């Protein structure tokens, strides 16, 4: 890991992912999580403030970045439920099958290298009747925006720690073994190639 990835990228990620429009999106979906929750890509813990503590029993926060987890640990002090951090990527979930009520993933599917395999793992650990709650940016519906996404993606991915601008989020979720039962989409304020959002919930197929 180079100096950029270790020291600079976490701060850039924290800044970009804590903008007002993105935080508003987080506020829409995070309170839907309940029971025993697995948060994929917990990062610096930006979602922690939005959990409904009356509905959450326990949270596993999975993230491969030591630097981001250290930032999240500072936010844990202000919440009322237990959080256990797991230092692995979404492709490796060291939990038993059918062991969590909710999987929460926000602004993370864009970055996981083998995202379909990771989603399959998320499906594996969900209990029957459990939900995947998601909020992600991805492939835009407008051709001119998609062209810019495709042009910029190689540079964006290299500078953004593996983040992709143009992933077809609903298709990937379904390929990972889920059936989407609720979804909304819109452009949130910001740079259009990075601002088309999908959010909703899915269940195991």
N, C-alpha and C. Protein backbone atom coordinates (compact mmCIF):
# COMPACT_ATOMS: atom_id res chain seq x y z
N UNK A 1 0.85 -1.20 0.00
CA UNK A 1 0.00 0.00 0.00
C UNK A 1 0.89 1.25 0.00
N UNK A 2 0.65 2.16 -0.95
CA UNK A 2 1.43 3.38 -1.04
C UNK A 2 0.96 4.44 -0.07
N UNK A 3 1.71 5.53 -0.02
CA UNK A 3 1.36 6.62 0.89
C UNK A 3 0.01 7.24 0.55
N UNK A 4 -0.28 7.34 -0.75
CA UNK A 4 -1.56 7.92 -1.16
C UNK A 4 -2.73 7.09 -0.62
N UNK A 5 -2.66 5.76 -0.83
CA UNK A 5 -3.75 4.89 -0.39
C UNK A 5 -3.85 4.86 1.13
N UNK A 6 -2.71 4.96 1.82
CA UNK A 6 -2.71 4.82 3.27
C UNK A 6 -3.13 6.09 4.00
N UNK A 7 -2.64 7.26 3.54
CA UNK A 7 -2.85 8.49 4.29
C UNK A 7 -3.79 9.50 3.64
N UNK A 8 -3.76 9.58 2.31
CA UNK A 8 -4.52 10.62 1.62
C UNK A 8 -5.91 10.14 1.22
N UNK A 9 -5.98 8.95 0.61
CA UNK A 9 -7.26 8.44 0.11
C UNK A 9 -8.33 8.34 1.20
N UNK A 10 -8.02 7.85 2.41
CA UNK A 10 -9.07 7.80 3.44
C UNK A 10 -9.68 9.17 3.75
N UNK A 11 -8.86 10.21 3.76
CA UNK A 11 -9.38 11.55 4.04
C UNK A 11 -10.23 12.08 2.89
N UNK A 12 -9.79 11.79 1.66
CA UNK A 12 -10.58 12.20 0.49
C UNK A 12 -11.93 11.47 0.49
N UNK A 13 -11.89 10.16 0.78
CA UNK A 13 -13.12 9.37 0.81
C UNK A 13 -14.08 9.89 1.87
N UNK A 14 -13.54 10.18 3.05
CA UNK A 14 -14.35 10.73 4.13
C UNK A 14 -15.01 12.03 3.71
N UNK A 15 -14.26 12.91 3.05
CA UNK A 15 -14.78 14.21 2.61
C UNK A 15 -15.89 14.03 1.57
N UNK A 16 -15.62 13.21 0.55
CA UNK A 16 -16.59 13.04 -0.53
C UNK A 16 -17.85 12.32 -0.07
N UNK A 17 -17.69 11.37 0.84
CA UNK A 17 -18.83 10.56 1.28
C UNK A 17 -19.62 11.20 2.41
N UNK A 18 -19.19 12.35 2.87
CA UNK A 18 -19.92 13.03 3.95
C UNK A 18 -20.59 14.32 3.48
N UNK A 19 -20.66 14.51 2.17
CA UNK A 19 -21.35 15.68 1.63
C UNK A 19 -22.83 15.66 1.99
N UNK A 20 -23.45 16.81 2.03
CA UNK A 20 -24.84 16.92 2.47
C UNK A 20 -25.80 16.04 1.67
N UNK A 21 -25.75 16.02 0.32
CA UNK A 21 -26.69 15.16 -0.42
C UNK A 21 -26.51 13.68 -0.10
N UNK A 22 -25.27 13.24 0.07
CA UNK A 22 -25.02 11.82 0.37
C UNK A 22 -25.48 11.49 1.78
N UNK A 23 -25.24 12.38 2.72
CA UNK A 23 -25.69 12.13 4.09
C UNK A 23 -27.22 12.08 4.15
N UNK A 24 -27.86 12.88 3.32
CA UNK A 24 -29.33 12.84 3.27
C UNK A 24 -29.80 11.48 2.76
N UNK A 25 -29.09 10.93 1.78
CA UNK A 25 -29.44 9.60 1.28
C UNK A 25 -29.23 8.54 2.35
N UNK A 26 -28.15 8.64 3.08
CA UNK A 26 -27.89 7.68 4.17
C UNK A 26 -29.04 7.71 5.19
N UNK A 27 -29.48 8.92 5.49
CA UNK A 27 -30.55 9.08 6.48
C UNK A 27 -31.85 8.40 6.04
N UNK A 28 -32.06 8.24 4.73
CA UNK A 28 -33.25 7.58 4.22
C UNK A 28 -33.23 6.08 4.49
N UNK A 29 -32.05 5.45 4.36
CA UNK A 29 -32.02 3.99 4.34
C UNK A 29 -31.51 3.35 5.62
N UNK A 30 -30.57 3.98 6.31
CA UNK A 30 -29.96 3.33 7.48
C UNK A 30 -30.97 2.99 8.57
N UNK A 31 -31.96 3.86 8.86
CA UNK A 31 -32.92 3.52 9.92
C UNK A 31 -33.77 2.28 9.62
N UNK A 32 -33.75 1.79 8.38
CA UNK A 32 -34.51 0.60 8.02
C UNK A 32 -33.85 -0.67 8.53
N UNK A 33 -32.58 -0.60 8.88
CA UNK A 33 -31.85 -1.77 9.37
C UNK A 33 -32.37 -2.17 10.75
N UNK A 34 -32.44 -3.48 10.97
CA UNK A 34 -32.96 -3.95 12.26
C UNK A 34 -32.31 -5.27 12.66
N UNK A 35 -32.38 -5.54 13.94
CA UNK A 35 -31.86 -6.80 14.47
C UNK A 35 -30.35 -6.85 14.47
N UNK A 36 -29.83 -7.98 14.04
CA UNK A 36 -28.39 -8.18 13.92
C UNK A 36 -27.99 -7.74 12.52
N UNK A 37 -27.16 -6.70 12.45
CA UNK A 37 -26.88 -6.02 11.19
C UNK A 37 -25.43 -6.23 10.77
N UNK A 38 -25.25 -6.53 9.50
CA UNK A 38 -23.92 -6.55 8.89
C UNK A 38 -23.82 -5.36 7.96
N UNK A 39 -22.95 -4.42 8.27
CA UNK A 39 -22.72 -3.29 7.37
C UNK A 39 -21.47 -3.55 6.55
N UNK A 40 -21.65 -3.64 5.25
CA UNK A 40 -20.55 -3.88 4.32
C UNK A 40 -19.94 -2.54 3.93
N UNK A 41 -18.64 -2.39 4.15
CA UNK A 41 -17.98 -1.13 3.84
C UNK A 41 -18.35 -0.05 4.84
N UNK A 42 -18.19 -0.36 6.12
CA UNK A 42 -18.56 0.63 7.15
C UNK A 42 -17.70 1.88 7.08
N UNK A 43 -16.52 1.77 6.47
CA UNK A 43 -15.68 2.95 6.27
C UNK A 43 -15.37 3.68 7.55
N UNK A 44 -15.58 4.99 7.54
CA UNK A 44 -15.29 5.82 8.71
C UNK A 44 -16.49 5.93 9.66
N UNK A 45 -17.51 5.12 9.42
CA UNK A 45 -18.65 5.09 10.35
C UNK A 45 -19.68 6.18 10.15
N UNK A 46 -19.80 6.70 8.93
CA UNK A 46 -20.73 7.80 8.67
C UNK A 46 -22.19 7.39 8.89
N UNK A 47 -22.49 6.10 8.77
CA UNK A 47 -23.88 5.65 8.95
C UNK A 47 -24.28 5.48 10.41
N UNK A 48 -23.32 5.41 11.31
CA UNK A 48 -23.62 5.04 12.69
C UNK A 48 -24.66 5.95 13.35
N UNK A 49 -24.60 7.22 13.04
CA UNK A 49 -25.52 8.18 13.67
C UNK A 49 -26.97 7.98 13.24
N UNK A 50 -27.20 7.26 12.15
CA UNK A 50 -28.55 7.13 11.60
C UNK A 50 -29.26 5.84 11.98
N UNK A 51 -28.58 4.91 12.62
CA UNK A 51 -29.25 3.68 13.04
C UNK A 51 -30.30 3.98 14.10
N UNK A 52 -31.40 3.25 14.06
CA UNK A 52 -32.44 3.34 15.08
C UNK A 52 -32.06 2.37 16.20
N UNK A 53 -31.53 2.91 17.29
CA UNK A 53 -31.00 2.06 18.37
C UNK A 53 -32.09 1.19 19.01
N UNK A 54 -33.36 1.57 18.85
CA UNK A 54 -34.44 0.77 19.43
C UNK A 54 -34.70 -0.49 18.61
N UNK A 55 -34.19 -0.53 17.38
CA UNK A 55 -34.42 -1.69 16.50
C UNK A 55 -33.17 -2.51 16.23
N UNK A 56 -32.01 -2.02 16.65
CA UNK A 56 -30.74 -2.69 16.33
C UNK A 56 -30.20 -3.40 17.57
N UNK A 57 -29.83 -4.66 17.40
CA UNK A 57 -29.26 -5.43 18.50
C UNK A 57 -27.73 -5.39 18.49
N UNK A 58 -27.15 -5.49 17.30
CA UNK A 58 -25.70 -5.68 17.18
C UNK A 58 -25.30 -5.33 15.75
N UNK A 59 -24.11 -4.79 15.58
CA UNK A 59 -23.63 -4.47 14.24
C UNK A 59 -22.23 -5.05 14.04
N UNK A 60 -22.08 -5.77 12.94
CA UNK A 60 -20.75 -6.11 12.44
C UNK A 60 -20.42 -5.10 11.36
N UNK A 61 -19.30 -4.41 11.49
CA UNK A 61 -18.87 -3.44 10.50
C UNK A 61 -17.67 -3.95 9.73
N UNK A 62 -17.88 -4.30 8.48
CA UNK A 62 -16.83 -4.93 7.68
C UNK A 62 -16.18 -3.89 6.77
N UNK A 63 -14.84 -3.83 6.82
CA UNK A 63 -14.09 -2.93 5.95
C UNK A 63 -12.62 -3.35 5.94
N UNK A 64 -11.98 -3.39 4.76
CA UNK A 64 -10.59 -3.82 4.70
C UNK A 64 -9.58 -2.75 5.11
N UNK A 65 -9.99 -1.49 5.20
CA UNK A 65 -9.06 -0.39 5.45
C UNK A 65 -8.85 -0.15 6.95
N UNK A 66 -7.64 -0.33 7.40
CA UNK A 66 -7.30 -0.07 8.81
C UNK A 66 -7.54 1.39 9.14
N UNK A 67 -7.16 2.28 8.25
CA UNK A 67 -7.29 3.72 8.49
C UNK A 67 -8.75 4.13 8.64
N UNK A 68 -9.61 3.58 7.78
CA UNK A 68 -11.02 3.93 7.86
C UNK A 68 -11.65 3.36 9.13
N UNK A 69 -11.26 2.16 9.51
CA UNK A 69 -11.82 1.57 10.73
C UNK A 69 -11.41 2.36 11.96
N UNK A 70 -10.20 2.91 11.96
CA UNK A 70 -9.77 3.74 13.09
C UNK A 70 -10.65 4.98 13.21
N UNK A 71 -11.03 5.55 12.08
CA UNK A 71 -11.92 6.71 12.08
C UNK A 71 -13.29 6.32 12.61
N UNK A 72 -13.76 5.13 12.22
CA UNK A 72 -15.08 4.67 12.66
C UNK A 72 -15.09 4.40 14.17
N UNK A 73 -14.00 3.89 14.69
CA UNK A 73 -13.93 3.58 16.13
C UNK A 73 -14.18 4.81 16.99
N UNK A 74 -13.81 5.98 16.50
CA UNK A 74 -14.06 7.21 17.25
C UNK A 74 -15.54 7.53 17.32
N UNK A 75 -16.29 7.15 16.27
CA UNK A 75 -17.73 7.44 16.24
C UNK A 75 -18.53 6.44 17.09
N UNK A 76 -17.97 5.27 17.33
CA UNK A 76 -18.67 4.26 18.11
C UNK A 76 -18.95 4.74 19.53
N UNK A 77 -18.11 5.61 20.05
CA UNK A 77 -18.26 6.10 21.42
C UNK A 77 -19.59 6.81 21.64
N UNK A 78 -20.20 7.29 20.57
CA UNK A 78 -21.42 8.09 20.70
C UNK A 78 -22.71 7.31 20.42
N UNK A 79 -22.63 5.97 20.31
CA UNK A 79 -23.82 5.19 20.00
C UNK A 79 -24.15 4.23 21.13
N UNK A 80 -25.36 3.66 21.08
CA UNK A 80 -25.88 2.89 22.20
C UNK A 80 -25.94 1.39 21.95
N UNK A 81 -25.33 0.91 20.90
CA UNK A 81 -25.34 -0.52 20.62
C UNK A 81 -23.90 -0.97 20.33
N UNK A 82 -23.70 -2.26 20.38
CA UNK A 82 -22.34 -2.80 20.21
C UNK A 82 -21.99 -2.93 18.74
N UNK A 83 -20.74 -2.56 18.42
CA UNK A 83 -20.23 -2.68 17.05
C UNK A 83 -18.95 -3.50 17.09
N UNK A 84 -18.89 -4.50 16.24
CA UNK A 84 -17.68 -5.31 16.09
C UNK A 84 -17.12 -5.09 14.69
N UNK A 85 -15.87 -4.69 14.61
CA UNK A 85 -15.25 -4.43 13.31
C UNK A 85 -14.58 -5.68 12.76
N UNK A 86 -14.74 -5.89 11.46
CA UNK A 86 -14.13 -7.01 10.76
C UNK A 86 -13.24 -6.44 9.66
N UNK A 87 -11.97 -6.75 9.69
CA UNK A 87 -11.02 -6.17 8.74
C UNK A 87 -10.85 -6.96 7.48
N UNK A 88 -11.95 -7.20 6.77
CA UNK A 88 -11.92 -7.94 5.52
C UNK A 88 -12.78 -7.26 4.48
N UNK A 89 -12.65 -7.70 3.23
CA UNK A 89 -13.48 -7.16 2.16
C UNK A 89 -14.82 -7.89 2.13
N UNK A 90 -15.73 -7.42 1.30
CA UNK A 90 -17.04 -8.04 1.18
C UNK A 90 -16.99 -9.43 0.60
N UNK A 91 -15.88 -9.79 -0.08
CA UNK A 91 -15.75 -11.13 -0.63
C UNK A 91 -15.50 -12.17 0.45
N UNK A 92 -15.12 -11.71 1.64
CA UNK A 92 -14.85 -12.62 2.74
C UNK A 92 -15.68 -12.19 3.95
N UNK A 93 -16.70 -12.95 4.27
CA UNK A 93 -17.56 -12.62 5.41
C UNK A 93 -17.47 -13.78 6.40
N UNK A 94 -16.72 -13.61 7.49
CA UNK A 94 -16.49 -14.72 8.42
C UNK A 94 -17.63 -14.89 9.42
N UNK A 95 -18.85 -14.93 8.91
CA UNK A 95 -20.03 -15.16 9.74
C UNK A 95 -20.75 -16.41 9.26
N UNK A 96 -21.50 -17.03 10.16
CA UNK A 96 -22.24 -18.23 9.80
C UNK A 96 -23.38 -17.90 8.84
N UNK A 97 -23.77 -18.87 8.06
CA UNK A 97 -24.93 -18.72 7.17
C UNK A 97 -26.17 -18.46 8.01
N UNK A 98 -27.07 -17.65 7.47
CA UNK A 98 -28.36 -17.35 8.13
C UNK A 98 -28.17 -16.76 9.52
N UNK A 99 -27.21 -15.85 9.65
CA UNK A 99 -26.88 -15.33 10.99
C UNK A 99 -27.21 -13.86 11.20
N UNK A 100 -27.63 -13.14 10.15
CA UNK A 100 -27.92 -11.71 10.33
C UNK A 100 -29.32 -11.40 9.78
N UNK A 101 -29.94 -10.39 10.38
CA UNK A 101 -31.27 -9.96 9.94
C UNK A 101 -31.23 -8.97 8.79
N UNK A 102 -30.21 -8.13 8.79
CA UNK A 102 -30.11 -7.07 7.78
C UNK A 102 -28.67 -6.96 7.30
N UNK A 103 -28.50 -6.86 6.00
CA UNK A 103 -27.22 -6.44 5.42
C UNK A 103 -27.42 -5.03 4.89
N UNK A 104 -26.57 -4.11 5.32
CA UNK A 104 -26.63 -2.73 4.86
C UNK A 104 -25.39 -2.43 4.03
N UNK A 105 -25.61 -1.87 2.85
CA UNK A 105 -24.47 -1.50 2.00
C UNK A 105 -24.77 -0.14 1.38
N UNK A 106 -23.91 0.84 1.66
CA UNK A 106 -24.08 2.19 1.12
C UNK A 106 -22.78 2.66 0.48
N UNK A 107 -22.86 3.03 -0.78
CA UNK A 107 -21.71 3.59 -1.52
C UNK A 107 -20.49 2.70 -1.40
N UNK A 108 -20.71 1.39 -1.59
CA UNK A 108 -19.64 0.40 -1.45
C UNK A 108 -19.60 -0.57 -2.61
N UNK A 109 -20.75 -0.90 -3.21
CA UNK A 109 -20.77 -1.85 -4.32
C UNK A 109 -19.97 -1.33 -5.52
N UNK A 110 -19.76 -0.04 -5.56
CA UNK A 110 -18.97 0.56 -6.64
C UNK A 110 -17.50 0.16 -6.57
N UNK A 111 -17.04 -0.28 -5.40
CA UNK A 111 -15.62 -0.46 -5.15
C UNK A 111 -15.19 -1.91 -5.04
N UNK A 112 -16.06 -2.79 -4.58
CA UNK A 112 -15.68 -4.20 -4.35
C UNK A 112 -15.28 -4.84 -5.68
N UNK A 113 -14.08 -5.43 -5.78
CA UNK A 113 -13.62 -5.99 -7.05
C UNK A 113 -14.55 -7.04 -7.64
N UNK A 114 -14.82 -8.12 -6.92
CA UNK A 114 -15.74 -9.16 -7.40
C UNK A 114 -17.07 -8.96 -6.70
N UNK A 115 -17.84 -8.02 -7.21
CA UNK A 115 -19.04 -7.58 -6.50
C UNK A 115 -20.13 -8.64 -6.49
N UNK A 116 -20.24 -9.45 -7.53
CA UNK A 116 -21.27 -10.49 -7.55
C UNK A 116 -20.97 -11.57 -6.51
N UNK A 117 -19.70 -11.94 -6.38
CA UNK A 117 -19.30 -12.90 -5.35
C UNK A 117 -19.58 -12.33 -3.96
N UNK A 118 -19.29 -11.05 -3.77
CA UNK A 118 -19.55 -10.42 -2.47
C UNK A 118 -21.04 -10.42 -2.15
N UNK A 119 -21.87 -10.12 -3.15
CA UNK A 119 -23.32 -10.14 -2.93
C UNK A 119 -23.82 -11.55 -2.62
N UNK A 120 -23.20 -12.54 -3.24
CA UNK A 120 -23.56 -13.93 -2.93
C UNK A 120 -23.25 -14.25 -1.47
N UNK A 121 -22.14 -13.72 -0.96
CA UNK A 121 -21.79 -13.90 0.44
C UNK A 121 -22.80 -13.18 1.35
N UNK A 122 -23.22 -12.01 0.94
CA UNK A 122 -24.24 -11.28 1.72
C UNK A 122 -25.53 -12.07 1.79
N UNK A 123 -25.91 -12.69 0.67
CA UNK A 123 -27.12 -13.52 0.65
C UNK A 123 -26.96 -14.72 1.57
N UNK A 124 -25.77 -15.29 1.58
CA UNK A 124 -25.52 -16.48 2.41
C UNK A 124 -25.73 -16.20 3.89
N UNK A 125 -25.26 -15.06 4.37
CA UNK A 125 -25.31 -14.79 5.81
C UNK A 125 -26.67 -14.27 6.27
N UNK A 126 -27.53 -13.87 5.34
CA UNK A 126 -28.86 -13.38 5.71
C UNK A 126 -29.76 -14.52 6.18
N UNK A 127 -30.50 -14.25 7.25
CA UNK A 127 -31.53 -15.19 7.69
C UNK A 127 -32.68 -15.19 6.69
N UNK A 128 -33.44 -16.29 6.61
CA UNK A 128 -34.67 -16.27 5.80
C UNK A 128 -35.57 -15.13 6.25
N UNK A 129 -36.04 -14.34 5.29
CA UNK A 129 -36.86 -13.18 5.61
C UNK A 129 -36.06 -11.92 5.87
N UNK A 130 -34.72 -12.05 5.90
CA UNK A 130 -33.88 -10.86 6.10
C UNK A 130 -33.82 -10.01 4.85
N UNK A 131 -33.29 -8.79 5.00
CA UNK A 131 -33.25 -7.85 3.88
C UNK A 131 -31.85 -7.30 3.62
N UNK A 132 -31.59 -7.07 2.37
CA UNK A 132 -30.45 -6.26 1.94
C UNK A 132 -30.96 -4.84 1.75
N UNK A 133 -30.43 -3.90 2.51
CA UNK A 133 -30.77 -2.48 2.35
C UNK A 133 -29.61 -1.81 1.64
N UNK A 134 -29.87 -1.10 0.56
CA UNK A 134 -28.77 -0.55 -0.24
C UNK A 134 -29.04 0.90 -0.64
N UNK A 135 -27.94 1.63 -0.82
CA UNK A 135 -27.96 2.96 -1.42
C UNK A 135 -26.62 3.13 -2.12
N UNK A 136 -26.65 3.27 -3.44
CA UNK A 136 -25.43 3.26 -4.23
C UNK A 136 -25.52 4.26 -5.38
N UNK A 137 -24.36 4.69 -5.86
CA UNK A 137 -24.33 5.44 -7.12
C UNK A 137 -23.93 4.47 -8.23
N UNK A 138 -24.32 4.78 -9.47
CA UNK A 138 -23.98 3.85 -10.53
C UNK A 138 -24.38 4.36 -11.90
N UNK A 139 -24.55 3.41 -12.81
CA UNK A 139 -24.80 3.71 -14.22
C UNK A 139 -26.04 4.59 -14.37
N UNK A 140 -25.87 5.70 -15.08
CA UNK A 140 -26.95 6.67 -15.27
C UNK A 140 -27.86 6.24 -16.43
N UNK A 141 -29.12 6.70 -16.43
CA UNK A 141 -30.04 6.33 -17.51
C UNK A 141 -29.86 7.15 -18.78
N UNK A 142 -29.16 8.28 -18.68
CA UNK A 142 -29.03 9.19 -19.83
C UNK A 142 -27.75 8.89 -20.60
N UNK A 143 -27.88 8.76 -21.92
CA UNK A 143 -26.77 8.33 -22.75
C UNK A 143 -25.57 9.27 -22.65
N UNK A 144 -25.81 10.59 -22.61
CA UNK A 144 -24.68 11.52 -22.56
C UNK A 144 -23.93 11.40 -21.24
N UNK A 145 -24.65 11.17 -20.15
CA UNK A 145 -23.99 10.99 -18.85
C UNK A 145 -23.23 9.67 -18.83
N UNK A 146 -23.83 8.62 -19.39
CA UNK A 146 -23.15 7.32 -19.44
C UNK A 146 -21.85 7.40 -20.23
N UNK A 147 -21.85 8.19 -21.31
CA UNK A 147 -20.61 8.34 -22.08
C UNK A 147 -19.52 8.93 -21.22
N UNK A 148 -19.84 9.95 -20.42
CA UNK A 148 -18.85 10.54 -19.53
C UNK A 148 -18.43 9.58 -18.44
N UNK A 149 -19.37 8.80 -17.94
CA UNK A 149 -19.02 7.79 -16.94
C UNK A 149 -17.99 6.80 -17.50
N UNK A 150 -18.24 6.33 -18.71
CA UNK A 150 -17.34 5.36 -19.31
C UNK A 150 -15.98 5.97 -19.64
N UNK A 151 -15.97 7.23 -20.08
CA UNK A 151 -14.70 7.89 -20.39
C UNK A 151 -13.86 8.13 -19.15
N UNK A 152 -14.52 8.57 -18.10
CA UNK A 152 -13.81 8.96 -16.89
C UNK A 152 -13.50 7.79 -15.96
N UNK A 153 -14.16 6.66 -16.16
CA UNK A 153 -14.04 5.59 -15.17
C UNK A 153 -12.62 5.10 -14.93
N UNK A 154 -11.78 4.91 -15.96
CA UNK A 154 -10.43 4.43 -15.68
C UNK A 154 -9.63 5.36 -14.76
N UNK A 155 -9.75 6.67 -14.99
CA UNK A 155 -9.04 7.63 -14.15
C UNK A 155 -9.66 7.69 -12.76
N UNK A 156 -10.99 7.76 -12.72
CA UNK A 156 -11.72 7.84 -11.45
C UNK A 156 -11.40 6.62 -10.57
N UNK A 157 -11.40 5.45 -11.20
CA UNK A 157 -11.14 4.21 -10.46
C UNK A 157 -9.74 4.21 -9.87
N UNK A 158 -8.78 4.68 -10.64
CA UNK A 158 -7.38 4.71 -10.18
C UNK A 158 -7.21 5.69 -9.03
N UNK A 159 -7.84 6.85 -9.12
CA UNK A 159 -7.69 7.87 -8.08
C UNK A 159 -8.61 7.64 -6.88
N UNK A 160 -9.71 6.91 -7.11
CA UNK A 160 -10.72 6.76 -6.06
C UNK A 160 -10.70 5.43 -5.33
N UNK A 161 -9.56 4.77 -5.31
CA UNK A 161 -9.46 3.54 -4.55
C UNK A 161 -10.28 2.39 -5.09
N UNK A 162 -10.47 2.37 -6.40
CA UNK A 162 -11.22 1.27 -7.03
C UNK A 162 -12.68 1.57 -7.28
N UNK A 163 -13.14 2.78 -6.97
CA UNK A 163 -14.54 3.15 -7.19
C UNK A 163 -14.84 3.22 -8.68
N UNK A 164 -15.96 2.60 -9.08
CA UNK A 164 -16.42 2.63 -10.47
C UNK A 164 -17.63 3.54 -10.60
N UNK A 165 -17.65 4.34 -11.65
CA UNK A 165 -18.77 5.25 -11.89
C UNK A 165 -19.95 4.57 -12.55
N UNK A 166 -19.72 3.47 -13.25
CA UNK A 166 -20.69 2.97 -14.23
C UNK A 166 -21.20 1.56 -13.95
N UNK A 167 -21.30 1.17 -12.71
CA UNK A 167 -21.81 -0.17 -12.43
C UNK A 167 -23.35 -0.19 -12.45
N UNK A 168 -23.94 -1.20 -13.11
CA UNK A 168 -25.41 -1.33 -13.17
C UNK A 168 -25.91 -1.99 -11.89
N UNK A 169 -26.14 -1.20 -10.88
CA UNK A 169 -26.38 -1.70 -9.53
C UNK A 169 -27.53 -2.71 -9.45
N UNK A 170 -28.73 -2.44 -9.99
CA UNK A 170 -29.81 -3.43 -9.86
C UNK A 170 -29.45 -4.78 -10.48
N UNK A 171 -28.81 -4.77 -11.65
CA UNK A 171 -28.43 -6.02 -12.30
C UNK A 171 -27.44 -6.82 -11.44
N UNK A 172 -26.49 -6.12 -10.85
CA UNK A 172 -25.50 -6.79 -10.02
C UNK A 172 -26.15 -7.41 -8.78
N UNK A 173 -27.06 -6.67 -8.16
CA UNK A 173 -27.76 -7.20 -6.98
C UNK A 173 -28.51 -8.48 -7.33
N UNK A 174 -29.17 -8.50 -8.48
CA UNK A 174 -29.91 -9.68 -8.89
C UNK A 174 -28.98 -10.83 -9.25
N UNK A 175 -27.85 -10.52 -9.88
CA UNK A 175 -26.86 -11.56 -10.19
C UNK A 175 -26.29 -12.19 -8.92
N UNK A 176 -26.28 -11.41 -7.84
CA UNK A 176 -25.74 -11.90 -6.58
C UNK A 176 -26.72 -12.75 -5.78
N UNK A 177 -27.89 -13.02 -6.33
CA UNK A 177 -28.82 -13.92 -5.66
C UNK A 177 -29.98 -13.24 -4.96
N UNK A 178 -30.23 -11.98 -5.27
CA UNK A 178 -31.31 -11.24 -4.61
C UNK A 178 -32.44 -10.92 -5.58
N UNK A 179 -33.60 -10.67 -5.01
CA UNK A 179 -34.75 -10.13 -5.74
C UNK A 179 -35.07 -8.77 -5.15
N UNK A 180 -35.02 -7.73 -5.96
CA UNK A 180 -35.30 -6.38 -5.47
C UNK A 180 -36.80 -6.21 -5.26
N UNK A 181 -37.19 -5.82 -4.06
CA UNK A 181 -38.62 -5.63 -3.80
C UNK A 181 -39.00 -4.17 -3.68
N UNK A 182 -38.00 -3.29 -3.70
CA UNK A 182 -38.29 -1.85 -3.63
C UNK A 182 -37.05 -1.11 -4.12
N UNK A 183 -37.25 -0.15 -5.02
CA UNK A 183 -36.11 0.63 -5.51
C UNK A 183 -36.58 2.02 -5.94
N UNK A 184 -35.76 3.01 -5.66
CA UNK A 184 -35.96 4.36 -6.17
C UNK A 184 -34.65 4.84 -6.79
N UNK A 185 -34.76 5.78 -7.70
CA UNK A 185 -33.58 6.31 -8.37
C UNK A 185 -33.73 7.81 -8.59
N UNK A 186 -32.60 8.49 -8.62
CA UNK A 186 -32.60 9.91 -8.96
C UNK A 186 -31.16 10.40 -9.03
N UNK A 187 -30.98 11.55 -9.69
CA UNK A 187 -29.71 12.26 -9.58
C UNK A 187 -29.75 13.09 -8.31
N UNK A 188 -28.76 12.92 -7.46
CA UNK A 188 -28.64 13.80 -6.31
C UNK A 188 -27.75 14.96 -6.71
N UNK A 189 -27.78 16.08 -5.99
CA UNK A 189 -26.92 17.21 -6.35
C UNK A 189 -25.44 16.81 -6.39
N UNK A 190 -24.75 17.29 -7.40
CA UNK A 190 -23.33 16.98 -7.53
C UNK A 190 -22.94 16.75 -8.96
N UNK A 191 -21.71 16.31 -9.16
CA UNK A 191 -21.17 16.00 -10.48
C UNK A 191 -21.96 14.84 -11.07
N UNK A 192 -22.61 15.05 -12.20
CA UNK A 192 -23.58 14.08 -12.72
C UNK A 192 -23.02 12.67 -12.93
N UNK A 193 -21.82 12.49 -13.46
CA UNK A 193 -21.32 11.12 -13.63
C UNK A 193 -21.22 10.31 -12.34
N UNK A 194 -21.20 10.99 -11.20
CA UNK A 194 -21.08 10.28 -9.92
C UNK A 194 -22.32 10.43 -9.05
N UNK A 195 -23.41 10.96 -9.61
CA UNK A 195 -24.52 11.34 -8.75
C UNK A 195 -25.83 10.62 -9.01
N UNK A 196 -25.84 9.65 -9.94
CA UNK A 196 -27.10 8.92 -10.13
C UNK A 196 -27.18 7.84 -9.06
N UNK A 197 -28.21 7.91 -8.22
CA UNK A 197 -28.35 7.02 -7.07
C UNK A 197 -29.47 6.01 -7.22
N UNK A 198 -29.21 4.83 -6.69
CA UNK A 198 -30.20 3.77 -6.55
C UNK A 198 -30.32 3.46 -5.07
N UNK A 199 -31.53 3.36 -4.53
CA UNK A 199 -31.66 2.92 -3.15
C UNK A 199 -32.95 2.12 -2.99
N UNK A 200 -32.91 1.19 -2.03
CA UNK A 200 -34.07 0.34 -1.80
C UNK A 200 -33.72 -0.87 -0.98
N UNK A 201 -34.45 -1.96 -1.22
CA UNK A 201 -34.23 -3.19 -0.45
C UNK A 201 -34.43 -4.40 -1.35
N UNK A 202 -33.83 -5.50 -0.92
CA UNK A 202 -33.91 -6.75 -1.68
C UNK A 202 -33.94 -7.91 -0.71
N UNK A 203 -34.47 -9.05 -1.18
CA UNK A 203 -34.52 -10.27 -0.39
C UNK A 203 -33.87 -11.40 -1.17
N UNK A 204 -33.55 -12.47 -0.47
CA UNK A 204 -32.95 -13.63 -1.12
C UNK A 204 -33.93 -14.24 -2.12
N UNK A 205 -33.37 -14.70 -3.24
CA UNK A 205 -34.20 -15.40 -4.23
C UNK A 205 -34.40 -16.84 -3.80
